[in-house]
Amino acid sequence: ECQRTFLAQTSLVPKHCSISSSTRQECLERLAEPVSLKHIANELATSASFVARMLMQSATYFEPNWQHLPEVLLLDEIKTTNNADETMSFEMMDAET
């Protein structure tokens, strides 16, 4: 009757959120797998935008270290146009992986 809503606050759900911490952790773990965001969202019963938001938030923790280069670099020449005489590109791979 008072026209107000609220979210219950527990140790399982962060303040002002409606998705549990365990679901957030599971989402981060599944983002390491080679599957689509929609697939993860369907498995966790969340939205694809939530999964995308978790991906973008986690990206800030995994900034590349541009001050370090591996001892060995592998280069692979790949064709990036329809005409083989034109532009070729190089793909760099880390030998440590």
PDB file of N, CA and C in Angstrom:
ATOM      1  N   GLU A   1       0.802  -1.202   0.000  1.00  0.00           N
ATOM      2  CA  GLU A   1       0.000   0.000   0.000  1.00  0.00           C
ATOM      3  C   GLU A   1       0.846   1.268   0.000  1.00  0.00           C
ATOM      4  N   CYS A   2       2.082   1.181   0.458  1.00  0.00           N
ATOM      5  CA  CYS A   2       2.922   2.383   0.550  1.00  0.00           C
ATOM      6  C   CYS A   2       3.608   2.712  -0.767  1.00  0.00           C
ATOM      7  N   GLN A   3       3.414   1.876  -1.816  1.00  0.00           N
ATOM      8  CA  GLN A   3       3.987   2.123  -3.142  1.00  0.00           C
ATOM      9  C   GLN A   3       5.512   2.112  -3.139  1.00  0.00           C
ATOM     10  N   ARG A   4       6.115   1.279  -2.299  1.00  0.00           N
ATOM     11  CA  ARG A   4       7.575   1.176  -2.242  1.00  0.00           C
ATOM     12  C   ARG A   4       8.001  -0.268  -2.416  1.00  0.00           C
ATOM     13  N   THR A   5       9.195  -0.450  -2.943  1.00  0.00           N
ATOM     14  CA  THR A   5       9.763  -1.788  -3.092  1.00  0.00           C
ATOM     15  C   THR A   5      11.114  -1.828  -2.394  1.00  0.00           C
ATOM     16  N   PHE A   6      11.605  -3.022  -2.146  1.00  0.00           N
ATOM     17  CA  PHE A   6      12.911  -3.167  -1.515  1.00  0.00           C
ATOM     18  C   PHE A   6      13.545  -4.477  -1.953  1.00  0.00           C
ATOM     19  N   LEU A   7      14.848  -4.568  -1.767  1.00  0.00           N
ATOM     20  CA  LEU A   7      15.585  -5.802  -2.014  1.00  0.00           C
ATOM     21  C   LEU A   7      16.102  -6.308  -0.679  1.00  0.00           C
ATOM     22  N   ALA A   8      15.936  -7.582  -0.437  1.00  0.00           N
ATOM     23  CA  ALA A   8      16.469  -8.161   0.794  1.00  0.00           C
ATOM     24  C   ALA A   8      17.990  -8.124   0.736  1.00  0.00           C
ATOM     25  N   GLN A   9      18.597  -7.866   1.867  1.00  0.00           N
ATOM     26  CA  GLN A   9      20.051  -7.782   1.920  1.00  0.00           C
ATOM     27  C   GLN A   9      20.568  -8.957   2.751  1.00  0.00           C
ATOM     28  N   THR A  10      21.376  -9.802   2.118  1.00  0.00           N
ATOM     29  CA  THR A  10      21.983 -10.940   2.806  1.00  0.00           C
ATOM     30  C   THR A  10      23.459 -10.991   2.457  1.00  0.00           C
ATOM     31  N   SER A  11      24.153 -11.937   3.068  1.00  0.00           N
ATOM     32  CA  SER A  11      25.578 -12.097   2.763  1.00  0.00           C
ATOM     33  C   SER A  11      25.784 -12.753   1.396  1.00  0.00           C
ATOM     34  N   LEU A  12      24.727 -13.336   0.823  1.00  0.00           N
ATOM     35  CA  LEU A  12      24.827 -14.000  -0.472  1.00  0.00           C
ATOM     36  C   LEU A  12      24.656 -13.056  -1.648  1.00  0.00           C
ATOM     37  N   VAL A  13      24.032 -11.902  -1.417  1.00  0.00           N
ATOM     38  CA  VAL A  13      23.736 -10.953  -2.486  1.00  0.00           C
ATOM     39  C   VAL A  13      24.321  -9.598  -2.113  1.00  0.00           C
ATOM     40  N   PRO A  14      25.168  -9.009  -2.974  1.00  0.00           N
ATOM     41  CA  PRO A  14      25.726  -7.684  -2.675  1.00  0.00           C
ATOM     42  C   PRO A  14      24.628  -6.629  -2.542  1.00  0.00           C
ATOM     43  N   LYS A  15      24.920  -5.589  -1.799  1.00  0.00           N
ATOM     44  CA  LYS A  15      23.954  -4.517  -1.574  1.00  0.00           C
ATOM     45  C   LYS A  15      23.540  -3.879  -2.897  1.00  0.00           C
ATOM     46  N   HIS A  16      22.260  -3.597  -3.050  1.00  0.00           N
ATOM     47  CA  HIS A  16      21.653  -2.980  -4.236  1.00  0.00           C
ATOM     48  C   HIS A  16      21.732  -3.884  -5.468  1.00  0.00           C
ATOM     49  N   CYS A  17      21.880  -5.192  -5.268  1.00  0.00           N
ATOM     50  CA  CYS A  17      21.939  -6.133  -6.383  1.00  0.00           C
ATOM     51  C   CYS A  17      20.863  -7.201  -6.225  1.00  0.00           C
ATOM     52  N   SER A  18      20.551  -7.862  -7.304  1.00  0.00           N
ATOM     53  CA  SER A  18      19.577  -8.948  -7.246  1.00  0.00           C
ATOM     54  C   SER A  18      20.160 -10.276  -7.724  1.00  0.00           C
ATOM     55  N   ILE A  19      21.448 -10.294  -8.073  1.00  0.00           N
ATOM     56  CA  ILE A  19      22.116 -11.512  -8.527  1.00  0.00           C
ATOM     57  C   ILE A  19      23.155 -11.898  -7.470  1.00  0.00           C
ATOM     58  N   SER A  20      23.125 -13.150  -7.061  1.00  0.00           N
ATOM     59  CA  SER A  20      23.975 -13.602  -5.962  1.00  0.00           C
ATOM     60  C   SER A  20      25.459 -13.585  -6.333  1.00  0.00           C
ATOM     61  N   SER A  21      26.278 -13.552  -5.301  1.00  0.00           N
ATOM     62  CA  SER A  21      27.731 -13.576  -5.492  1.00  0.00           C
ATOM     63  C   SER A  21      28.175 -14.891  -6.119  1.00  0.00           C
ATOM     64  N   SER A  22      27.517 -15.991  -5.760  1.00  0.00           N
ATOM     65  CA  SER A  22      27.902 -17.284  -6.336  1.00  0.00           C
ATOM     66  C   SER A  22      27.583 -17.337  -7.834  1.00  0.00           C
ATOM     67  N   THR A  23      26.480 -16.702  -8.260  1.00  0.00           N
ATOM     68  CA  THR A  23      26.154 -16.644  -9.683  1.00  0.00           C
ATOM     69  C   THR A  23      27.172 -15.783 -10.422  1.00  0.00           C
ATOM     70  N   ARG A  24      27.591 -14.704  -9.809  1.00  0.00           N
ATOM     71  CA  ARG A  24      28.614 -13.838 -10.405  1.00  0.00           C
ATOM     72  C   ARG A  24      29.931 -14.603 -10.573  1.00  0.00           C
ATOM     73  N   GLN A  25      30.316 -15.369  -9.540  1.00  0.00           N
ATOM     74  CA  GLN A  25      31.549 -16.151  -9.599  1.00  0.00           C
ATOM     75  C   GLN A  25      31.454 -17.225 -10.674  1.00  0.00           C
ATOM     76  N   GLU A  26      30.325 -17.896 -10.743  1.00  0.00           N
ATOM     77  CA  GLU A  26      30.120 -18.925 -11.766  1.00  0.00           C
ATOM     78  C   GLU A  26      30.183 -18.321 -13.166  1.00  0.00           C
ATOM     79  N   CYS A  27      29.642 -17.127 -13.333  1.00  0.00           N
ATOM     80  CA  CYS A  27      29.679 -16.437 -14.620  1.00  0.00           C
ATOM     81  C   CYS A  27      31.127 -16.166 -15.033  1.00  0.00           C
ATOM     82  N   LEU A  28      31.936 -15.678 -14.106  1.00  0.00           N
ATOM     83  CA  LEU A  28      33.346 -15.406 -14.410  1.00  0.00           C
ATOM     84  C   LEU A  28      34.086 -16.683 -14.793  1.00  0.00           C
ATOM     85  N   GLU A  29      33.781 -17.780 -14.112  1.00  0.00           N
ATOM     86  CA  GLU A  29      34.437 -19.044 -14.439  1.00  0.00           C
ATOM     87  C   GLU A  29      34.033 -19.531 -15.830  1.00  0.00           C
ATOM     88  N   ARG A  30      32.768 -19.371 -16.176  1.00  0.00           N
ATOM     89  CA  ARG A  30      32.297 -19.839 -17.486  1.00  0.00           C
ATOM     90  C   ARG A  30      32.763 -18.942 -18.619  1.00  0.00           C
ATOM     91  N   LEU A  31      33.117 -17.695 -18.315  1.00  0.00           N
ATOM     92  CA  LEU A  31      33.638 -16.813 -19.362  1.00  0.00           C
ATOM     93  C   LEU A  31      34.984 -17.289 -19.883  1.00  0.00           C
ATOM     94  N   ALA A  32      35.649 -18.155 -19.151  1.00  0.00           N
ATOM     95  CA  ALA A  32      36.921 -18.711 -19.609  1.00  0.00           C
ATOM     96  C   ALA A  32      36.714 -19.789 -20.664  1.00  0.00           C
ATOM     97  N   GLU A  33      35.485 -20.278 -20.798  1.00  0.00           N
ATOM     98  CA  GLU A  33      35.177 -21.322 -21.771  1.00  0.00           C
ATOM     99  C   GLU A  33      34.844 -20.700 -23.130  1.00  0.00           C
ATOM    100  N   PRO A  34      35.116 -21.399 -24.221  1.00  0.00           N
ATOM    101  CA  PRO A  34      34.830 -20.860 -25.556  1.00  0.00           C
ATOM    102  C   PRO A  34      33.362 -21.053 -25.960  1.00  0.00           C
ATOM    103  N   VAL A  35      32.462 -20.369 -25.260  1.00  0.00           N
ATOM    104  CA  VAL A  35      31.028 -20.437 -25.569  1.00  0.00           C
ATOM    105  C   VAL A  35      30.480 -19.012 -25.664  1.00  0.00           C
ATOM    106  N   SER A  36      29.300 -18.882 -26.220  1.00  0.00           N
ATOM    107  CA  SER A  36      28.721 -17.554 -26.410  1.00  0.00           C
ATOM    108  C   SER A  36      28.190 -16.978 -25.097  1.00  0.00           C
ATOM    109  N   LEU A  37      28.042 -15.664 -25.076  1.00  0.00           N
ATOM    110  CA  LEU A  37      27.490 -14.994 -23.898  1.00  0.00           C
ATOM    111  C   LEU A  37      26.052 -15.441 -23.654  1.00  0.00           C
ATOM    112  N   LYS A  38      25.297 -15.629 -24.720  1.00  0.00           N
ATOM    113  CA  LYS A  38      23.907 -16.076 -24.584  1.00  0.00           C
ATOM    114  C   LYS A  38      23.837 -17.472 -23.974  1.00  0.00           C
ATOM    115  N   HIS A  39      24.764 -18.335 -24.346  1.00  0.00           N
ATOM    116  CA  HIS A  39      24.796 -19.687 -23.792  1.00  0.00           C
ATOM    117  C   HIS A  39      25.036 -19.633 -22.281  1.00  0.00           C
ATOM    118  N   ILE A  40      25.990 -18.832 -21.849  1.00  0.00           N
ATOM    119  CA  ILE A  40      26.273 -18.677 -20.421  1.00  0.00           C
ATOM    120  C   ILE A  40      25.054 -18.103 -19.712  1.00  0.00           C
ATOM    121  N   ALA A  41      24.433 -17.097 -20.312  1.00  0.00           N
ATOM    122  CA  ALA A  41      23.250 -16.474 -19.704  1.00  0.00           C
ATOM    123  C   ALA A  41      22.123 -17.489 -19.545  1.00  0.00           C
ATOM    124  N   ASN A  42      21.903 -18.324 -20.550  1.00  0.00           N
ATOM    125  CA  ASN A  42      20.852 -19.345 -20.454  1.00  0.00           C
ATOM    126  C   ASN A  42      21.158 -20.356 -19.361  1.00  0.00           C
ATOM    127  N   GLU A  43      22.408 -20.771 -19.244  1.00  0.00           N
ATOM    128  CA  GLU A  43      22.784 -21.738 -18.210  1.00  0.00           C
ATOM    129  C   GLU A  43      22.637 -21.176 -16.805  1.00  0.00           C
ATOM    130  N   LEU A  44      22.888 -19.875 -16.648  1.00  0.00           N
ATOM    131  CA  LEU A  44      22.832 -19.256 -15.321  1.00  0.00           C
ATOM    132  C   LEU A  44      21.502 -18.562 -15.039  1.00  0.00           C
ATOM    133  N   ALA A  45      20.589 -18.602 -16.003  1.00  0.00           N
ATOM    134  CA  ALA A  45      19.280 -17.943 -15.866  1.00  0.00           C
ATOM    135  C   ALA A  45      19.445 -16.450 -15.608  1.00  0.00           C
ATOM    136  N   THR A  46      20.337 -15.835 -16.374  1.00  0.00           N
ATOM    137  CA  THR A  46      20.540 -14.392 -16.302  1.00  0.00           C
ATOM    138  C   THR A  46      20.403 -13.834 -17.716  1.00  0.00           C
ATOM    139  N   SER A  47      20.614 -12.543 -17.861  1.00  0.00           N
ATOM    140  CA  SER A  47      20.538 -11.939 -19.185  1.00  0.00           C
ATOM    141  C   SER A  47      21.928 -11.921 -19.834  1.00  0.00           C
ATOM    142  N   ALA A  48      21.941 -11.863 -21.148  1.00  0.00           N
ATOM    143  CA  ALA A  48      23.209 -11.780 -21.870  1.00  0.00           C
ATOM    144  C   ALA A  48      23.907 -10.455 -21.567  1.00  0.00           C
ATOM    145  N   SER A  49      23.139  -9.417 -21.295  1.00  0.00           N
ATOM    146  CA  SER A  49      23.764  -8.127 -20.960  1.00  0.00           C
ATOM    147  C   SER A  49      24.484  -8.200 -19.615  1.00  0.00           C
ATOM    148  N   PHE A  50      23.951  -8.985 -18.664  1.00  0.00           N
ATOM    149  CA  PHE A  50      24.646  -9.177 -17.385  1.00  0.00           C
ATOM    150  C   PHE A  50      25.983  -9.878 -17.612  1.00  0.00           C
ATOM    151  N   VAL A  51      25.976 -10.922 -18.446  1.00  0.00           N
ATOM    152  CA  VAL A  51      27.206 -11.660 -18.736  1.00  0.00           C
ATOM    153  C   VAL A  51      28.214 -10.756 -19.441  1.00  0.00           C
ATOM    154  N   ALA A  52      27.746  -9.944 -20.366  1.00  0.00           N
ATOM    155  CA  ALA A  52      28.636  -8.999 -21.060  1.00  0.00           C
ATOM    156  C   ALA A  52      29.204  -7.979 -20.085  1.00  0.00           C
ATOM    157  N   ARG A  53      28.385  -7.522 -19.161  1.00  0.00           N
ATOM    158  CA  ARG A  53      28.840  -6.559 -18.148  1.00  0.00           C
ATOM    159  C   ARG A  53      29.911  -7.195 -17.257  1.00  0.00           C
ATOM    160  N   MET A  54      29.727  -8.459 -16.887  1.00  0.00           N
ATOM    161  CA  MET A  54      30.727  -9.157 -16.079  1.00  0.00           C
ATOM    162  C   MET A  54      32.031  -9.312 -16.859  1.00  0.00           C
ATOM    163  N   LEU A  55      31.925  -9.572 -18.158  1.00  0.00           N
ATOM    164  CA  LEU A  55      33.109  -9.695 -19.004  1.00  0.00           C
ATOM    165  C   LEU A  55      33.877  -8.378 -19.051  1.00  0.00           C
ATOM    166  N   MET A  56      33.153  -7.279 -19.229  1.00  0.00           N
ATOM    167  CA  MET A  56      33.809  -5.968 -19.302  1.00  0.00           C
ATOM    168  C   MET A  56      34.440  -5.590 -17.958  1.00  0.00           C
ATOM    169  N   GLN A  57      33.770  -5.921 -16.855  1.00  0.00           N
ATOM    170  CA  GLN A  57      34.330  -5.621 -15.533  1.00  0.00           C
ATOM    171  C   GLN A  57      35.582  -6.442 -15.271  1.00  0.00           C
ATOM    172  N   SER A  58      35.576  -7.700 -15.707  1.00  0.00           N
ATOM    173  CA  SER A  58      36.740  -8.559 -15.466  1.00  0.00           C
ATOM    174  C   SER A  58      37.925  -8.166 -16.333  1.00  0.00           C
ATOM    175  N   ALA A  59      37.671  -7.528 -17.467  1.00  0.00           N
ATOM    176  CA  ALA A  59      38.758  -7.138 -18.374  1.00  0.00           C
ATOM    177  C   ALA A  59      39.710  -6.151 -17.719  1.00  0.00           C
ATOM    178  N   THR A  60      39.219  -5.343 -16.786  1.00  0.00           N
ATOM    179  CA  THR A  60      40.084  -4.370 -16.116  1.00  0.00           C
ATOM    180  C   THR A  60      41.109  -5.052 -15.216  1.00  0.00           C
ATOM    181  N   TYR A  61      40.830  -6.285 -14.779  1.00  0.00           N
ATOM    182  CA  TYR A  61      41.768  -7.007 -13.924  1.00  0.00           C
ATOM    183  C   TYR A  61      42.851  -7.711 -14.718  1.00  0.00           C
ATOM    184  N   PHE A  62      42.661  -7.840 -16.020  1.00  0.00           N
ATOM    185  CA  PHE A  62      43.595  -8.588 -16.850  1.00  0.00           C
ATOM    186  C   PHE A  62      44.245  -7.696 -17.895  1.00  0.00           C
ATOM    187  N   GLU A  63      44.737  -6.564 -17.473  1.00  0.00           N
ATOM    188  CA  GLU A  63      45.429  -5.649 -18.366  1.00  0.00           C
ATOM    189  C   GLU A  63      46.739  -6.282 -18.820  1.00  0.00           C
ATOM    190  N   PRO A  64      47.062  -6.206 -20.104  1.00  0.00           N
ATOM    191  CA  PRO A  64      48.341  -6.764 -20.563  1.00  0.00           C
ATOM    192  C   PRO A  64      49.513  -5.938 -20.039  1.00  0.00           C
ATOM    193  N   ASN A  65      50.591  -6.604 -19.761  1.00  0.00           N
ATOM    194  CA  ASN A  65      51.803  -5.935 -19.313  1.00  0.00           C
ATOM    195  C   ASN A  65      52.648  -5.643 -20.544  1.00  0.00           C
ATOM    196  N   TRP A  66      52.634  -4.402 -20.994  1.00  0.00           N
ATOM    197  CA  TRP A  66      53.360  -4.032 -22.206  1.00  0.00           C
ATOM    198  C   TRP A  66      54.847  -3.832 -21.945  1.00  0.00           C
ATOM    199  N   GLN A  67      55.279  -3.922 -20.676  1.00  0.00           N
ATOM    200  CA  GLN A  67      56.689  -3.763 -20.337  1.00  0.00           C
ATOM    201  C   GLN A  67      57.436  -5.089 -20.456  1.00  0.00           C
ATOM    202  N   HIS A  68      56.700  -6.169 -20.656  1.00  0.00           N
ATOM    203  CA  HIS A  68      57.315  -7.498 -20.721  1.00  0.00           C
ATOM    204  C   HIS A  68      57.040  -8.139 -22.078  1.00  0.00           C
ATOM    205  N   LEU A  69      58.065  -8.679 -22.672  1.00  0.00           N
ATOM    206  CA  LEU A  69      57.913  -9.480 -23.884  1.00  0.00           C
ATOM    207  C   LEU A  69      58.483 -10.862 -23.615  1.00  0.00           C
ATOM    208  N   PRO A  70      57.875 -11.907 -24.136  1.00  0.00           N
ATOM    209  CA  PRO A  70      58.429 -13.254 -23.955  1.00  0.00           C
ATOM    210  C   PRO A  70      59.756 -13.392 -24.693  1.00  0.00           C
ATOM    211  N   GLU A  71      60.531 -14.385 -24.300  1.00  0.00           N
ATOM    212  CA  GLU A  71      61.832 -14.610 -24.932  1.00  0.00           C
ATOM    213  C   GLU A  71      61.684 -15.001 -26.398  1.00  0.00           C
ATOM    214  N   VAL A  72      60.614 -15.725 -26.743  1.00  0.00           N
ATOM    215  CA  VAL A  72      60.398 -16.199 -28.106  1.00  0.00           C
ATOM    216  C   VAL A  72      59.039 -15.708 -28.588  1.00  0.00           C
ATOM    217  N   LEU A  73      59.026 -15.098 -29.767  1.00  0.00           N
ATOM    218  CA  LEU A  73      57.776 -14.680 -30.397  1.00  0.00           C
ATOM    219  C   LEU A  73      57.564 -15.516 -31.649  1.00  0.00           C
ATOM    220  N   LEU A  74      56.357 -15.992 -31.841  1.00  0.00           N
ATOM    221  CA  LEU A  74      56.017 -16.737 -33.043  1.00  0.00           C
ATOM    222  C   LEU A  74      55.186 -15.838 -33.937  1.00  0.00           C
ATOM    223  N   LEU A  75      55.557 -15.713 -35.203  1.00  0.00           N
ATOM    224  CA  LEU A  75      54.818 -14.892 -36.150  1.00  0.00           C
ATOM    225  C   LEU A  75      54.247 -15.776 -37.237  1.00  0.00           C
ATOM    226  N   ASP A  76      53.023 -15.493 -37.610  1.00  0.00           N
ATOM    227  CA  ASP A  76      52.363 -16.246 -38.657  1.00  0.00           C
ATOM    228  C   ASP A  76      51.813 -15.252 -39.665  1.00  0.00           C
ATOM    229  N   GLU A  77      52.152 -15.427 -40.931  1.00  0.00           N
ATOM    230  CA  GLU A  77      51.673 -14.530 -41.982  1.00  0.00           C
ATOM    231  C   GLU A  77      50.309 -15.033 -42.464  1.00  0.00           C
ATOM    232  N   ILE A  78      49.313 -14.149 -42.436  1.00  0.00           N
ATOM    233  CA  ILE A  78      47.975 -14.540 -42.861  1.00  0.00           C
ATOM    234  C   ILE A  78      47.465 -13.583 -43.931  1.00  0.00           C
ATOM    235  N   LYS A  79      46.647 -14.095 -44.802  1.00  0.00           N
ATOM    236  CA  LYS A  79      46.063 -13.306 -45.879  1.00  0.00           C
ATOM    237  C   LYS A  79      44.825 -12.586 -45.339  1.00  0.00           C
ATOM    238  N   THR A  80      44.776 -11.251 -45.511  1.00  0.00           N
ATOM    239  CA  THR A  80      43.647 -10.483 -44.983  1.00  0.00           C
ATOM    240  C   THR A  80      42.824  -9.826 -46.078  1.00  0.00           C
ATOM    241  N   THR A  81      43.143 -10.098 -47.339  1.00  0.00           N
ATOM    242  CA  THR A  81      42.361  -9.558 -48.454  1.00  0.00           C
ATOM    243  C   THR A  81      42.094 -10.671 -49.450  1.00  0.00           C
ATOM    244  N   ASN A  82      41.235 -10.410 -50.397  1.00  0.00           N
ATOM    245  CA  ASN A  82      40.927 -11.404 -51.428  1.00  0.00           C
ATOM    246  C   ASN A  82      42.065 -11.563 -52.432  1.00  0.00           C
ATOM    247  N   ASN A  83      42.865 -10.536 -52.594  1.00  0.00           N
ATOM    248  CA  ASN A  83      43.947 -10.548 -53.563  1.00  0.00           C
ATOM    249  C   ASN A  83      45.252 -10.933 -52.859  1.00  0.00           C
ATOM    250  N   ALA A  84      45.837 -12.058 -53.227  1.00  0.00           N
ATOM    251  CA  ALA A  84      47.050 -12.547 -52.563  1.00  0.00           C
ATOM    252  C   ALA A  84      48.255 -11.648 -52.808  1.00  0.00           C
ATOM    253  N   ASP A  85      48.229 -10.845 -53.880  1.00  0.00           N
ATOM    254  CA  ASP A  85      49.357  -9.969 -54.165  1.00  0.00           C
ATOM    255  C   ASP A  85      49.362  -8.743 -53.256  1.00  0.00           C
ATOM    256  N   GLU A  86      48.233  -8.461 -52.659  1.00  0.00           N
ATOM    257  CA  GLU A  86      48.138  -7.263 -51.816  1.00  0.00           C
ATOM    258  C   GLU A  86      48.489  -7.593 -50.366  1.00  0.00           C
ATOM    259  N   THR A  87      47.832  -6.932 -49.481  1.00  0.00           N
ATOM    260  CA  THR A  87      48.168  -6.918 -48.066  1.00  0.00           C
ATOM    261  C   THR A  87      48.178  -8.292 -47.407  1.00  0.00           C
ATOM    262  N   MET A  88      49.261  -8.539 -46.719  1.00  0.00           N
ATOM    263  CA  MET A  88      49.366  -9.706 -45.850  1.00  0.00           C
ATOM    264  C   MET A  88      49.561  -9.162 -44.441  1.00  0.00           C
ATOM    265  N   SER A  89      49.040  -9.852 -43.456  1.00  0.00           N
ATOM    266  CA  SER A  89      49.152  -9.412 -42.075  1.00  0.00           C
ATOM    267  C   SER A  89      49.926 -10.442 -41.274  1.00  0.00           C
ATOM    268  N   PHE A  90      50.428 -10.016 -40.158  1.00  0.00           N
ATOM    269  CA  PHE A  90      51.158 -10.900 -39.275  1.00  0.00           C
ATOM    270  C   PHE A  90      50.393 -11.064 -37.980  1.00  0.00           C
ATOM    271  N   GLU A  91      50.274 -12.300 -37.531  1.00  0.00           N
ATOM    272  CA  GLU A  91      49.637 -12.617 -36.266  1.00  0.00           C
ATOM    273  C   GLU A  91      50.746 -13.014 -35.311  1.00  0.00           C
ATOM    274  N   MET A  92      50.789 -12.375 -34.140  1.00  0.00           N
ATOM    275  CA  MET A  92      51.829 -12.680 -33.177  1.00  0.00           C
ATOM    276  C   MET A  92      51.258 -13.600 -32.113  1.00  0.00           C
ATOM    277  N   MET A  93      51.984 -14.656 -31.800  1.00  0.00           N
ATOM    278  CA  MET A  93      51.586 -15.601 -30.776  1.00  0.00           C
ATOM    279  C   MET A  93      52.670 -15.679 -29.726  1.00  0.00           C
ATOM    280  N   ASP A  94      52.271 -15.852 -28.503  1.00  0.00           N
ATOM    281  CA  ASP A  94      53.203 -15.984 -27.398  1.00  0.00           C
ATOM    282  C   ASP A  94      53.662 -17.426 -27.332  1.00  0.00           C
ATOM    283  N   ALA A  95      54.940 -17.675 -27.341  1.00  0.00           N
ATOM    284  CA  ALA A  95      55.472 -19.034 -27.321  1.00  0.00           C
ATOM    285  C   ALA A  95      55.270 -19.697 -25.974  1.00  0.00           C
ATOM    286  N   GLU A  96      54.972 -18.907 -24.942  1.00  0.00           N
ATOM    287  CA  GLU A  96      54.787 -19.460 -23.605  1.00  0.00           C
ATOM    288  C   GLU A  96      53.447 -20.168 -23.465  1.00  0.00           C
ATOM    289  N   THR A  97      52.482 -19.891 -24.371  1.00  0.00           N
ATOM    290  CA  THR A  97      51.163 -20.509 -24.251  1.00  0.00           C
ATOM    291  C   THR A  97      51.033 -21.707 -25.143  1.00  0.00           C
TER     292      THR A  97
END
